[in-house]
N, C-alpha and C. Protein backbone atom coordinates (compact mmCIF):
# COMPACT_ATOMS: atom_id res chain seq x y z
N MET A 1 -16.94 64.97 -27.24
CA MET A 1 -16.56 64.21 -28.35
C MET A 1 -17.28 62.86 -28.41
N THR A 2 -18.07 62.29 -29.38
CA THR A 2 -18.80 61.30 -29.50
C THR A 2 -17.93 60.09 -30.04
N SER A 3 -18.06 59.17 -29.63
CA SER A 3 -17.14 57.89 -30.00
C SER A 3 -17.71 57.37 -31.36
N THR A 4 -16.90 56.61 -32.10
CA THR A 4 -17.59 55.90 -33.21
C THR A 4 -17.57 54.20 -32.98
N SER A 5 -18.84 53.55 -32.76
CA SER A 5 -18.80 52.38 -32.34
C SER A 5 -18.38 51.30 -33.59
N LEU A 6 -17.89 50.13 -33.13
CA LEU A 6 -17.59 49.28 -34.10
C LEU A 6 -18.86 48.40 -34.69
N THR A 7 -19.66 48.42 -33.87
CA THR A 7 -20.97 47.80 -34.21
C THR A 7 -21.69 48.47 -35.16
N PRO A 8 -22.29 47.96 -36.34
CA PRO A 8 -22.98 48.70 -37.72
C PRO A 8 -24.16 49.37 -36.84
N GLU A 9 -24.64 50.51 -37.12
CA GLU A 9 -25.76 51.26 -36.70
C GLU A 9 -27.21 50.37 -36.89
N SER A 10 -27.91 50.18 -35.91
CA SER A 10 -28.98 49.57 -36.09
C SER A 10 -29.90 50.06 -37.10
N THR A 11 -30.66 49.18 -37.65
CA THR A 11 -31.78 49.66 -38.66
C THR A 11 -32.82 48.61 -38.68
N THR A 12 -34.15 49.13 -39.25
CA THR A 12 -35.29 48.33 -39.23
C THR A 12 -35.35 47.05 -39.87
N SER A 13 -34.07 46.83 -40.78
CA SER A 13 -33.88 45.54 -41.34
C SER A 13 -32.21 45.41 -41.40
N ALA A 14 -31.90 44.25 -40.96
CA ALA A 14 -30.46 44.03 -41.17
C ALA A 14 -29.95 44.04 -42.43
N PRO A 15 -28.44 44.98 -42.73
CA PRO A 15 -27.95 45.23 -43.83
C PRO A 15 -27.62 43.89 -44.31
N GLU A 16 -27.60 43.99 -45.60
CA GLU A 16 -26.95 42.72 -46.22
C GLU A 16 -25.23 42.71 -46.21
N LYS A 17 -24.81 41.48 -46.06
CA LYS A 17 -23.49 41.36 -45.82
C LYS A 17 -22.51 41.50 -47.22
N PRO A 18 -21.51 42.14 -47.08
CA PRO A 18 -20.72 42.10 -48.71
C PRO A 18 -20.70 40.44 -49.10
N VAL A 19 -20.90 40.48 -50.44
CA VAL A 19 -20.94 39.16 -51.03
C VAL A 19 -19.48 38.69 -50.97
N ILE A 20 -18.30 39.32 -50.82
CA ILE A 20 -17.11 38.83 -50.73
C ILE A 20 -16.66 38.00 -49.39
N LEU A 21 -17.38 38.41 -48.38
CA LEU A 21 -17.02 37.53 -47.10
C LEU A 21 -17.44 35.98 -47.48
N SER A 22 -18.23 35.82 -48.41
CA SER A 22 -18.63 34.45 -48.53
C SER A 22 -17.38 33.42 -48.99
N VAL A 23 -16.34 33.90 -49.45
CA VAL A 23 -15.05 33.43 -49.73
C VAL A 23 -14.45 32.76 -48.48
N LEU A 24 -14.75 33.06 -47.46
CA LEU A 24 -13.94 32.74 -46.31
C LEU A 24 -15.25 31.97 -45.53
N PRO A 25 -14.75 30.81 -44.92
CA PRO A 25 -15.81 29.96 -44.15
C PRO A 25 -16.28 30.44 -42.60
N ASP A 26 -17.47 30.27 -42.28
CA ASP A 26 -17.93 30.94 -40.82
C ASP A 26 -17.44 29.54 -40.12
N PHE A 27 -17.11 29.97 -38.70
CA PHE A 27 -17.00 29.18 -37.62
C PHE A 27 -17.64 29.30 -36.47
N PRO A 28 -18.47 28.19 -35.67
CA PRO A 28 -19.11 28.43 -34.65
C PRO A 28 -18.31 28.94 -33.38
N ILE A 29 -18.23 30.04 -33.27
CA ILE A 29 -17.50 30.70 -32.15
C ILE A 29 -18.28 31.37 -31.29
N ALA A 30 -18.06 31.29 -29.90
CA ALA A 30 -18.83 32.15 -28.96
C ALA A 30 -19.19 33.52 -29.10
N SER A 31 -20.39 33.79 -29.18
CA SER A 31 -21.09 35.13 -29.44
C SER A 31 -20.67 35.83 -30.62
N GLN A 32 -20.05 34.77 -31.68
CA GLN A 32 -19.65 35.51 -32.77
C GLN A 32 -18.27 36.63 -32.62
N GLN A 33 -17.64 36.27 -31.59
CA GLN A 33 -16.66 37.23 -31.38
C GLN A 33 -15.16 36.32 -31.29
N CYS A 34 -14.28 37.15 -31.81
CA CYS A 34 -12.81 36.54 -32.22
C CYS A 34 -11.99 36.49 -30.94
N ALA A 35 -11.01 35.50 -31.02
CA ALA A 35 -10.14 35.44 -29.98
C ALA A 35 -9.26 36.37 -30.18
N LEU A 36 -8.42 36.98 -29.00
CA LEU A 36 -7.59 37.92 -28.98
C LEU A 36 -6.44 37.73 -29.92
N HIS A 37 -5.88 36.37 -29.88
CA HIS A 37 -4.86 35.98 -30.66
C HIS A 37 -4.88 36.25 -31.98
N LEU A 38 -6.32 36.04 -32.58
CA LEU A 38 -6.51 36.33 -34.00
C LEU A 38 -6.64 37.79 -34.20
N GLN A 39 -6.87 38.65 -33.22
CA GLN A 39 -6.95 39.99 -33.63
C GLN A 39 -5.44 40.55 -33.72
N GLN A 40 -4.69 40.01 -32.54
CA GLN A 40 -3.44 40.46 -32.90
C GLN A 40 -2.71 40.01 -34.13
N HIS A 41 -2.95 38.71 -34.44
CA HIS A 41 -2.19 38.22 -35.76
C HIS A 41 -2.46 39.06 -36.92
N ILE A 42 -3.95 39.36 -37.27
CA ILE A 42 -4.43 40.07 -38.21
C ILE A 42 -3.60 41.52 -38.39
N ASP A 43 -3.60 42.08 -37.19
CA ASP A 43 -3.18 43.52 -37.20
C ASP A 43 -1.61 43.57 -37.44
N LEU A 44 -1.06 42.22 -37.22
CA LEU A 44 0.40 42.39 -37.29
C LEU A 44 0.86 41.95 -38.81
N MET A 45 -0.27 41.45 -39.41
CA MET A 45 -0.22 41.18 -40.91
C MET A 45 -0.29 42.68 -41.70
N LEU A 46 -1.25 43.37 -41.32
CA LEU A 46 -1.38 44.62 -41.79
C LEU A 46 -0.23 45.57 -41.56
N LEU A 47 0.45 45.48 -40.34
CA LEU A 47 1.59 46.09 -39.96
C LEU A 47 2.67 45.75 -41.05
N ALA A 48 2.73 44.70 -41.49
CA ALA A 48 3.89 44.28 -42.22
C ALA A 48 3.55 44.89 -43.61
N LEU A 49 2.36 44.84 -44.07
CA LEU A 49 1.90 45.44 -45.29
C LEU A 49 2.32 47.01 -45.24
N GLU A 50 2.16 47.60 -44.21
CA GLU A 50 2.31 49.12 -44.00
C GLU A 50 3.71 49.26 -44.27
N SER A 51 4.75 48.18 -44.02
CA SER A 51 6.08 48.43 -43.76
C SER A 51 6.58 47.97 -45.13
N LEU A 52 5.74 47.39 -46.29
CA LEU A 52 6.32 47.36 -47.46
C LEU A 52 6.43 48.39 -48.48
N GLU A 53 5.56 49.24 -48.12
CA GLU A 53 5.27 50.39 -49.27
C GLU A 53 4.93 51.67 -48.30
N VAL A 54 5.20 52.79 -49.03
CA VAL A 54 4.95 54.05 -48.48
C VAL A 54 3.60 54.20 -49.10
N GLY A 55 2.58 54.69 -48.18
CA GLY A 55 1.30 54.96 -48.59
C GLY A 55 0.42 53.90 -48.61
N ALA A 56 0.78 52.71 -47.96
CA ALA A 56 0.15 51.50 -47.82
C ALA A 56 -1.27 51.84 -46.88
N GLY A 57 -1.32 52.81 -46.08
CA GLY A 57 -2.60 52.79 -45.45
C GLY A 57 -3.73 53.20 -46.32
N GLU A 58 -3.24 54.14 -47.27
CA GLU A 58 -4.27 54.80 -48.09
C GLU A 58 -4.91 53.61 -48.97
N ALA A 59 -3.78 52.81 -49.55
CA ALA A 59 -4.04 51.96 -50.27
C ALA A 59 -4.88 50.99 -49.97
N LEU A 60 -4.85 50.64 -48.64
CA LEU A 60 -5.65 49.63 -47.88
C LEU A 60 -7.03 50.02 -47.59
N LEU A 61 -7.02 51.63 -47.21
CA LEU A 61 -8.79 51.98 -47.36
C LEU A 61 -9.32 52.04 -48.72
N ALA A 62 -8.55 52.30 -49.88
CA ALA A 62 -9.20 52.36 -51.21
C ALA A 62 -9.87 50.86 -51.41
N LEU A 63 -8.85 49.85 -50.74
CA LEU A 63 -9.05 48.47 -51.47
C LEU A 63 -10.56 48.30 -50.71
N CYS A 64 -10.81 48.72 -49.41
CA CYS A 64 -11.99 48.40 -48.73
C CYS A 64 -13.36 48.78 -49.59
N LYS A 65 -13.12 49.92 -50.10
CA LYS A 65 -14.27 50.26 -51.22
C LYS A 65 -14.29 49.73 -52.37
N GLU A 66 -13.25 49.32 -52.93
CA GLU A 66 -13.18 48.60 -54.11
C GLU A 66 -13.67 47.12 -54.06
N LEU A 67 -13.37 46.45 -52.86
CA LEU A 67 -14.13 45.05 -52.67
C LEU A 67 -15.49 45.24 -51.89
N GLY A 68 -16.00 46.14 -51.82
CA GLY A 68 -17.44 46.17 -51.30
C GLY A 68 -17.25 45.99 -49.86
N LEU A 69 -16.16 46.32 -49.33
CA LEU A 69 -16.04 46.01 -47.68
C LEU A 69 -16.29 47.45 -46.73
N ASP A 70 -16.58 48.50 -47.68
CA ASP A 70 -16.70 49.73 -46.73
C ASP A 70 -17.97 49.88 -45.95
N LYS A 71 -18.95 48.60 -46.15
CA LYS A 71 -20.08 48.56 -45.23
C LYS A 71 -19.61 48.25 -43.76
N ILE A 72 -18.53 47.53 -43.74
CA ILE A 72 -17.85 47.01 -42.57
C ILE A 72 -16.86 48.08 -42.04
N VAL A 73 -15.95 48.28 -42.79
CA VAL A 73 -14.95 49.30 -42.81
C VAL A 73 -15.34 50.84 -43.28
N ARG A 74 -16.06 51.49 -42.47
CA ARG A 74 -16.71 52.46 -43.22
C ARG A 74 -15.90 53.85 -43.48
N ASN A 75 -14.78 53.95 -42.70
CA ASN A 75 -13.80 55.21 -42.98
C ASN A 75 -12.42 54.68 -42.10
N ARG A 76 -11.66 55.70 -41.99
CA ARG A 76 -10.37 55.39 -41.58
C ARG A 76 -10.42 55.29 -40.04
N ILE A 77 -11.26 56.05 -39.35
CA ILE A 77 -11.62 55.91 -37.81
C ILE A 77 -11.90 54.53 -37.55
N ILE A 78 -12.84 54.08 -38.24
CA ILE A 78 -13.33 52.49 -38.00
C ILE A 78 -12.13 51.77 -38.42
N PHE A 79 -11.21 51.79 -39.35
CA PHE A 79 -10.05 50.80 -39.66
C PHE A 79 -9.16 50.94 -38.66
N TRP A 80 -8.92 52.09 -38.04
CA TRP A 80 -8.16 52.36 -36.81
C TRP A 80 -8.68 51.59 -35.69
N ARG A 81 -9.98 51.78 -35.58
CA ARG A 81 -10.49 51.04 -34.17
C ARG A 81 -10.24 49.58 -34.24
N LEU A 82 -10.61 49.04 -35.42
CA LEU A 82 -11.02 47.45 -35.66
C LEU A 82 -9.33 46.85 -35.40
N ARG A 83 -8.20 47.74 -35.93
CA ARG A 83 -6.91 47.40 -35.62
C ARG A 83 -6.58 47.27 -34.24
N CYS A 84 -7.08 48.32 -33.67
CA CYS A 84 -6.85 48.57 -31.99
C CYS A 84 -7.39 47.33 -31.39
N THR A 85 -8.15 46.44 -31.79
CA THR A 85 -8.41 45.07 -30.96
C THR A 85 -7.38 44.46 -30.81
N ASN A 86 -5.80 44.64 -31.30
CA ASN A 86 -4.80 43.89 -31.07
C ASN A 86 -4.22 44.19 -29.74
N PRO A 87 -4.23 43.27 -28.70
CA PRO A 87 -4.21 43.53 -27.38
C PRO A 87 -2.74 44.02 -27.13
N TRP A 88 -1.81 44.05 -28.25
CA TRP A 88 -0.40 44.33 -28.14
C TRP A 88 -0.27 45.98 -28.29
N ARG A 89 -1.34 46.38 -28.81
CA ARG A 89 -1.33 48.20 -29.12
C ARG A 89 -1.39 48.71 -27.81
N ILE A 90 -0.54 50.01 -27.93
CA ILE A 90 -0.87 51.09 -26.88
C ILE A 90 -2.27 51.57 -27.05
N SER A 91 -2.66 51.69 -28.03
CA SER A 91 -4.19 52.23 -28.20
C SER A 91 -5.09 50.89 -28.13
N TYR A 92 -4.79 49.95 -27.49
CA TYR A 92 -5.84 48.80 -27.53
C TYR A 92 -7.01 49.20 -26.79
N THR A 93 -8.08 48.56 -27.29
CA THR A 93 -9.58 48.75 -26.98
C THR A 93 -9.78 47.52 -26.23
N LEU A 94 -10.93 47.60 -25.61
CA LEU A 94 -11.45 46.31 -25.23
C LEU A 94 -12.52 45.48 -26.13
N ASP A 95 -12.71 46.10 -27.36
CA ASP A 95 -13.47 45.73 -28.32
C ASP A 95 -13.06 44.19 -28.84
N ARG A 96 -13.84 43.43 -29.11
CA ARG A 96 -13.51 42.23 -29.71
C ARG A 96 -14.18 42.30 -31.26
N LEU A 97 -13.46 41.60 -32.19
CA LEU A 97 -13.84 41.50 -33.64
C LEU A 97 -14.82 40.86 -33.99
N THR A 98 -16.00 41.03 -34.33
CA THR A 98 -16.90 40.05 -35.16
C THR A 98 -16.27 39.14 -36.10
N LEU A 99 -17.00 38.03 -36.49
CA LEU A 99 -16.48 37.29 -37.57
C LEU A 99 -16.34 37.84 -38.85
N ASP A 100 -17.36 38.92 -39.16
CA ASP A 100 -17.50 39.41 -40.40
C ASP A 100 -16.34 40.45 -40.43
N GLN A 101 -15.93 41.24 -39.46
CA GLN A 101 -14.94 42.09 -39.33
C GLN A 101 -13.74 41.66 -39.54
N ALA A 102 -13.42 40.36 -38.82
CA ALA A 102 -12.18 39.61 -39.04
C ALA A 102 -11.84 39.17 -40.42
N LYS A 103 -13.11 38.65 -41.00
CA LYS A 103 -12.78 38.35 -42.38
C LYS A 103 -12.60 39.35 -43.18
N ALA A 104 -13.38 40.59 -43.00
CA ALA A 104 -12.87 41.75 -43.85
C ALA A 104 -11.77 42.09 -43.90
N LEU A 105 -11.15 42.12 -42.74
CA LEU A 105 -9.56 42.64 -42.63
C LEU A 105 -8.66 41.50 -43.05
N VAL A 106 -8.83 40.19 -43.37
CA VAL A 106 -7.81 39.02 -43.91
C VAL A 106 -8.04 39.14 -45.35
N ILE A 107 -9.30 39.66 -45.65
CA ILE A 107 -9.74 39.64 -47.19
C ILE A 107 -8.68 41.02 -47.86
N ILE A 108 -8.91 42.05 -47.14
CA ILE A 108 -8.04 43.26 -47.58
C ILE A 108 -6.74 42.91 -47.42
N ALA A 109 -6.02 42.13 -46.19
CA ALA A 109 -4.78 42.17 -46.35
C ALA A 109 -4.10 41.20 -47.54
N SER A 110 -5.21 40.11 -47.78
CA SER A 110 -4.64 39.04 -48.75
C SER A 110 -4.53 39.76 -50.35
N TYR A 111 -5.82 40.59 -50.49
CA TYR A 111 -5.76 41.23 -51.82
C TYR A 111 -4.73 42.46 -51.99
N ARG A 112 -4.42 42.93 -50.88
CA ARG A 112 -3.39 43.63 -51.04
C ARG A 112 -1.85 43.21 -51.12
N ALA A 113 -1.76 42.01 -50.63
CA ALA A 113 -0.53 41.29 -50.81
C ALA A 113 -0.34 40.92 -52.24
N LYS A 114 -1.54 40.41 -52.88
CA LYS A 114 -1.33 39.95 -54.32
C LYS A 114 -0.65 40.73 -55.07
N PRO A 115 -0.58 42.12 -55.37
CA PRO A 115 0.01 42.80 -56.30
C PRO A 115 1.87 43.10 -55.81
N LEU A 116 1.99 42.95 -54.38
CA LEU A 116 3.21 43.14 -53.86
C LEU A 116 3.83 41.68 -53.97
N ALA A 117 3.29 40.67 -54.41
CA ALA A 117 3.94 39.09 -54.45
C ALA A 117 5.15 39.06 -54.86
N ILE A 118 5.68 39.87 -55.88
CA ILE A 118 6.85 39.83 -56.44
C ILE A 118 8.13 40.44 -55.68
N SER A 119 7.73 41.62 -54.99
CA SER A 119 8.48 42.20 -54.25
C SER A 119 8.65 41.40 -52.63
N ILE A 120 7.65 40.70 -52.31
CA ILE A 120 7.65 39.79 -51.21
C ILE A 120 8.77 38.86 -51.44
N ARG A 121 8.47 38.26 -52.62
CA ARG A 121 9.44 36.88 -53.02
C ARG A 121 10.73 37.43 -52.99
N GLN A 122 11.07 38.72 -53.58
CA GLN A 122 12.59 39.14 -53.74
C GLN A 122 13.17 39.31 -52.20
N LEU A 123 12.30 39.68 -51.41
CA LEU A 123 12.95 40.07 -49.99
C LEU A 123 13.07 38.92 -49.49
N LEU A 124 12.15 37.73 -49.61
CA LEU A 124 12.38 36.57 -48.83
C LEU A 124 13.56 35.61 -49.45
N LEU A 125 13.84 35.82 -50.83
CA LEU A 125 14.89 35.27 -51.61
C LEU A 125 16.27 36.28 -51.03
N ALA A 126 16.29 37.39 -50.79
CA ALA A 126 17.14 38.06 -50.36
C ALA A 126 17.80 37.56 -48.81
N ARG A 127 16.67 37.11 -48.27
CA ARG A 127 16.99 36.82 -46.88
C ARG A 127 17.74 35.30 -46.81
N GLN A 128 17.24 34.30 -47.89
CA GLN A 128 17.94 33.13 -47.95
C GLN A 128 19.45 33.56 -48.47
N GLN A 129 19.65 34.37 -49.24
CA GLN A 129 20.93 34.48 -49.77
C GLN A 129 22.01 35.08 -48.82
N MET A 130 21.40 36.00 -47.87
CA MET A 130 22.18 36.69 -46.84
C MET A 130 22.54 35.76 -45.87
N GLU A 131 21.47 34.49 -45.65
CA GLU A 131 21.70 33.68 -44.64
C GLU A 131 22.72 32.64 -45.04
N SER A 132 22.51 32.35 -46.49
CA SER A 132 23.67 31.28 -47.16
C SER A 132 24.91 31.72 -46.91
N LYS A 133 25.24 33.18 -47.13
CA LYS A 133 26.42 33.51 -46.90
C LYS A 133 26.99 33.95 -45.39
N GLY A 134 26.01 33.66 -44.50
CA GLY A 134 26.23 34.08 -43.19
C GLY A 134 26.56 35.58 -42.81
N LEU A 135 25.42 36.22 -43.56
CA LEU A 135 25.49 37.68 -43.35
C LEU A 135 24.22 38.07 -42.67
N PRO A 136 24.43 39.19 -42.10
CA PRO A 136 23.05 39.85 -41.38
C PRO A 136 22.35 40.15 -42.58
N VAL A 137 20.79 39.81 -41.91
CA VAL A 137 19.90 40.12 -43.25
C VAL A 137 19.84 41.74 -43.49
N ASP A 138 20.26 42.38 -42.50
CA ASP A 138 19.97 43.82 -42.75
C ASP A 138 21.24 44.46 -43.85
N ASN A 139 22.24 43.52 -44.19
CA ASN A 139 23.19 43.80 -45.26
C ASN A 139 22.46 43.90 -46.70
N ASN A 140 21.54 43.37 -46.71
CA ASN A 140 20.41 43.68 -47.96
C ASN A 140 19.98 44.95 -47.79
N PHE A 141 20.09 45.69 -48.98
CA PHE A 141 19.38 47.18 -48.95
C PHE A 141 17.85 47.00 -48.78
N LEU A 142 17.33 46.28 -49.82
CA LEU A 142 15.89 46.07 -49.65
C LEU A 142 15.23 45.64 -48.35
N LEU A 143 15.89 44.40 -48.11
CA LEU A 143 15.32 43.95 -46.64
C LEU A 143 15.71 45.04 -45.66
N SER A 144 16.86 45.80 -45.53
CA SER A 144 17.44 46.78 -44.46
C SER A 144 16.03 47.69 -44.52
N GLU A 145 15.46 48.22 -45.68
CA GLU A 145 14.45 49.11 -45.75
C GLU A 145 13.05 48.55 -45.00
N TYR A 146 12.81 47.26 -45.65
CA TYR A 146 11.51 46.78 -45.05
C TYR A 146 11.64 46.69 -43.48
N LEU A 147 12.79 46.03 -43.12
CA LEU A 147 12.94 45.85 -41.46
C LEU A 147 13.01 46.85 -40.67
N GLU A 148 13.58 47.94 -41.31
CA GLU A 148 13.66 49.26 -40.35
C GLU A 148 12.30 49.84 -40.36
N ARG A 149 11.56 50.02 -41.48
CA ARG A 149 10.21 50.56 -41.40
C ARG A 149 9.24 49.58 -40.29
N PHE A 150 9.35 48.06 -40.51
CA PHE A 150 8.65 47.38 -39.49
C PHE A 150 9.03 47.71 -37.99
N ARG A 151 10.19 47.80 -37.74
CA ARG A 151 10.69 48.02 -36.42
C ARG A 151 10.19 49.36 -35.72
N SER A 152 10.42 50.36 -36.86
CA SER A 152 9.58 51.84 -36.44
C SER A 152 8.22 51.39 -36.16
N ASN A 153 7.23 51.00 -37.10
CA ASN A 153 5.98 51.01 -36.94
C ASN A 153 5.80 50.05 -35.50
N PHE A 154 6.24 49.07 -35.25
CA PHE A 154 6.15 48.18 -34.24
C PHE A 154 6.27 48.92 -32.92
N ARG A 155 7.73 49.80 -32.83
CA ARG A 155 7.96 50.35 -31.51
C ARG A 155 6.84 51.58 -31.34
N SER A 156 6.53 52.18 -32.43
CA SER A 156 5.70 53.13 -32.36
C SER A 156 4.20 52.96 -31.74
N ARG A 157 3.89 51.87 -32.02
CA ARG A 157 2.50 51.28 -32.00
C ARG A 157 2.26 50.27 -30.80
N MET A 158 3.20 49.49 -30.50
CA MET A 158 2.92 48.45 -29.54
C MET A 158 3.27 48.63 -28.11
N ASN A 159 2.72 48.29 -27.16
CA ASN A 159 2.72 48.77 -25.81
C ASN A 159 4.09 47.93 -25.04
N PRO A 160 5.09 48.61 -24.75
CA PRO A 160 6.31 48.02 -24.22
C PRO A 160 5.83 47.32 -22.85
N ARG A 161 4.68 47.47 -22.14
CA ARG A 161 4.28 46.69 -21.05
C ARG A 161 3.70 45.57 -21.32
N ARG A 162 3.58 45.18 -22.37
CA ARG A 162 3.24 43.70 -22.94
C ARG A 162 4.29 42.81 -22.58
N ALA A 163 4.10 41.62 -22.00
CA ALA A 163 5.42 40.68 -22.05
C ALA A 163 6.07 40.56 -23.36
N LYS A 164 5.19 39.90 -24.21
CA LYS A 164 5.74 39.64 -25.49
C LYS A 164 6.47 40.74 -26.35
N VAL A 165 5.72 41.80 -26.30
CA VAL A 165 6.32 42.92 -26.97
C VAL A 165 7.55 43.32 -26.40
N SER A 166 7.66 43.37 -24.95
CA SER A 166 9.09 43.74 -24.38
C SER A 166 10.34 42.86 -24.88
N VAL A 167 9.73 41.57 -25.06
CA VAL A 167 10.83 40.70 -25.49
C VAL A 167 11.30 41.10 -27.07
N TYR A 168 10.28 41.28 -27.61
CA TYR A 168 10.88 41.73 -29.11
C TYR A 168 11.66 43.13 -29.11
N LEU A 169 10.97 43.99 -28.39
CA LEU A 169 11.61 45.07 -28.25
C LEU A 169 13.11 45.01 -27.75
N ALA A 170 13.65 44.32 -26.89
CA ALA A 170 14.74 44.13 -26.38
C ALA A 170 15.47 43.28 -27.28
N ASP A 171 15.04 42.68 -28.44
CA ASP A 171 15.99 41.86 -29.18
C ASP A 171 15.69 42.15 -30.50
N GLU A 172 16.21 42.71 -31.26
CA GLU A 172 16.42 43.29 -32.76
C GLU A 172 16.10 42.13 -33.65
N ASN A 173 16.57 40.97 -33.22
CA ASN A 173 17.10 39.64 -34.18
C ASN A 173 15.60 39.11 -34.23
N ALA A 174 14.90 38.95 -32.90
CA ALA A 174 13.67 38.58 -32.77
C ALA A 174 12.60 39.11 -33.57
N LEU A 175 12.57 40.64 -33.56
CA LEU A 175 11.65 41.46 -34.17
C LEU A 175 11.85 41.40 -35.64
N ASN A 176 13.24 41.17 -35.98
CA ASN A 176 13.30 40.99 -37.60
C ASN A 176 12.70 39.55 -37.94
N GLU A 177 12.91 38.75 -37.22
CA GLU A 177 12.36 37.31 -37.56
C GLU A 177 10.93 37.32 -37.45
N LEU A 178 10.26 37.98 -36.72
CA LEU A 178 8.81 38.72 -36.59
C LEU A 178 8.50 38.91 -38.15
N ALA A 179 9.17 40.16 -38.27
CA ALA A 179 8.71 40.55 -39.52
C ALA A 179 8.87 39.69 -41.01
N LEU A 180 9.79 39.06 -41.03
CA LEU A 180 10.14 38.08 -42.06
C LEU A 180 9.11 37.08 -41.96
N SER A 181 8.69 36.36 -40.88
CA SER A 181 7.80 35.20 -40.77
C SER A 181 6.39 35.82 -41.32
N LEU A 182 6.13 37.15 -40.99
CA LEU A 182 4.84 38.02 -41.49
C LEU A 182 4.84 37.89 -43.22
N LEU A 183 6.19 38.24 -43.57
CA LEU A 183 6.22 37.97 -45.03
C LEU A 183 5.84 37.03 -45.55
N ASP A 184 6.49 35.71 -45.16
CA ASP A 184 5.96 34.36 -45.61
C ASP A 184 4.71 34.09 -45.69
N GLN A 185 3.84 34.53 -44.53
CA GLN A 185 2.34 34.38 -44.47
C GLN A 185 1.61 35.21 -45.55
N LEU A 186 2.15 36.38 -45.56
CA LEU A 186 1.63 37.38 -46.79
C LEU A 186 1.46 36.71 -48.20
N LEU A 187 2.92 35.98 -48.20
CA LEU A 187 3.18 35.54 -49.65
C LEU A 187 1.98 34.06 -49.85
N PHE A 188 1.91 33.54 -48.70
CA PHE A 188 1.15 31.96 -48.71
C PHE A 188 -0.37 32.57 -48.98
N CYS A 189 -0.66 33.92 -48.38
CA CYS A 189 -2.12 34.25 -48.80
C CYS A 189 -2.23 34.59 -50.18
N THR A 190 -1.36 34.88 -50.88
CA THR A 190 -1.49 35.40 -52.23
C THR A 190 -1.72 33.98 -53.39
N GLY A 191 -1.44 32.81 -52.76
CA GLY A 191 -1.65 31.56 -53.26
C GLY A 191 -2.72 31.15 -53.62
N THR A 192 -2.92 29.94 -54.37
CA THR A 192 -4.06 29.30 -54.56
C THR A 192 -4.65 29.04 -53.38
N THR A 193 -6.31 29.48 -52.89
CA THR A 193 -6.83 29.14 -51.56
C THR A 193 -5.71 29.39 -50.44
N GLY A 194 -4.86 30.28 -50.49
CA GLY A 194 -3.93 30.52 -49.73
C GLY A 194 -4.62 31.35 -48.57
N MET A 195 -5.70 32.49 -49.00
CA MET A 195 -6.17 33.21 -47.94
C MET A 195 -7.16 32.34 -47.22
N GLN A 196 -7.72 31.30 -47.65
CA GLN A 196 -8.74 30.26 -47.07
C GLN A 196 -8.01 29.45 -46.23
N ARG A 197 -6.85 29.05 -46.41
CA ARG A 197 -6.08 28.12 -45.68
C ARG A 197 -5.69 29.06 -44.51
N PHE A 198 -5.06 30.47 -44.82
CA PHE A 198 -4.50 31.29 -43.65
C PHE A 198 -5.69 31.58 -42.68
N TRP A 199 -6.94 31.82 -43.15
CA TRP A 199 -8.19 32.19 -42.40
C TRP A 199 -8.45 31.01 -41.39
N ILE A 200 -8.45 29.77 -41.85
CA ILE A 200 -8.63 28.30 -41.33
C ILE A 200 -7.75 28.28 -40.25
N SER A 201 -6.43 28.69 -40.55
CA SER A 201 -5.39 28.50 -39.24
C SER A 201 -5.35 29.23 -38.32
N LEU A 202 -6.24 30.54 -38.37
CA LEU A 202 -6.45 31.42 -37.16
C LEU A 202 -7.35 30.84 -36.23
N PHE A 203 -7.97 29.69 -36.65
CA PHE A 203 -8.74 29.06 -35.65
C PHE A 203 -8.36 27.76 -35.08
N ASP A 204 -7.50 27.11 -36.12
CA ASP A 204 -6.91 25.62 -35.47
C ASP A 204 -5.80 25.62 -34.62
N GLY A 205 -5.15 26.78 -34.21
CA GLY A 205 -4.07 26.90 -33.42
C GLY A 205 -2.55 26.77 -34.21
N GLU A 206 -2.90 26.88 -35.62
CA GLU A 206 -1.63 26.59 -36.42
C GLU A 206 -0.81 27.69 -36.12
N ILE A 207 -1.06 29.02 -35.97
CA ILE A 207 -0.30 30.07 -36.18
C ILE A 207 0.59 30.19 -35.04
N VAL A 208 1.64 30.95 -34.93
CA VAL A 208 2.97 30.95 -34.20
C VAL A 208 2.44 32.43 -33.63
C-alpha cells in the first residue's frame, strides 16, 4: 500500500499558491514548518466545528474546493493526515505542517465558522445563562448536544497516554471548558480581521 505524502508532488515548475492564502501574513519560521502547539490548536478548532453540526466533515472538504484550497488539501486522506499532525491524536504522525498548509486549515475553519456564527452565539449565550443561574451547562439542551459530541469526538481521536489529554479525559468539566473556549475562538474568527488576529496569535504565544 502506497502512502500519501503531505508534500506537494514535485513538478518542473513550482505550482502557483492559492490566492486566498495571501489574506494571512507570513512569518519567518525555521524551515517553514509549524510548531507542534500550533498544529494541535488548529486541529482542535476543526474538532469543535465537527461537533457543531452533523456532516461537518463533508462541508469542510467542500469548502476546500470552493476556496481554491484543493491544491493543498487535495482529498479526504490529505485532510485527515494534515490533522494528524496534532500530537495529541491517537493517529499522530511525525509530519509537520508547512506555513501554507497551516494557513489553509485556519482559513477553512474560519470560513466554515461564519455561517455558524448565530448558532455559536446562541450556545455561548446559553452558557452565560446557565452559569448566572448556577446551573450545569449540560442542563441546556443545545449546549448538551454540542458538548456531548465534542467529548465523544475528543475521546475517540485523542491519545489518553498524552499527559494533557489524560487530564481532560479524567475531568469532564475541564473538557467542557475546552469545548466552550474553542467556540469563543471560532466566533472571534468570524469577526472583522478576526481570522488574521487569530492566525497571528498562534505565533505570539497568546493561545492557551
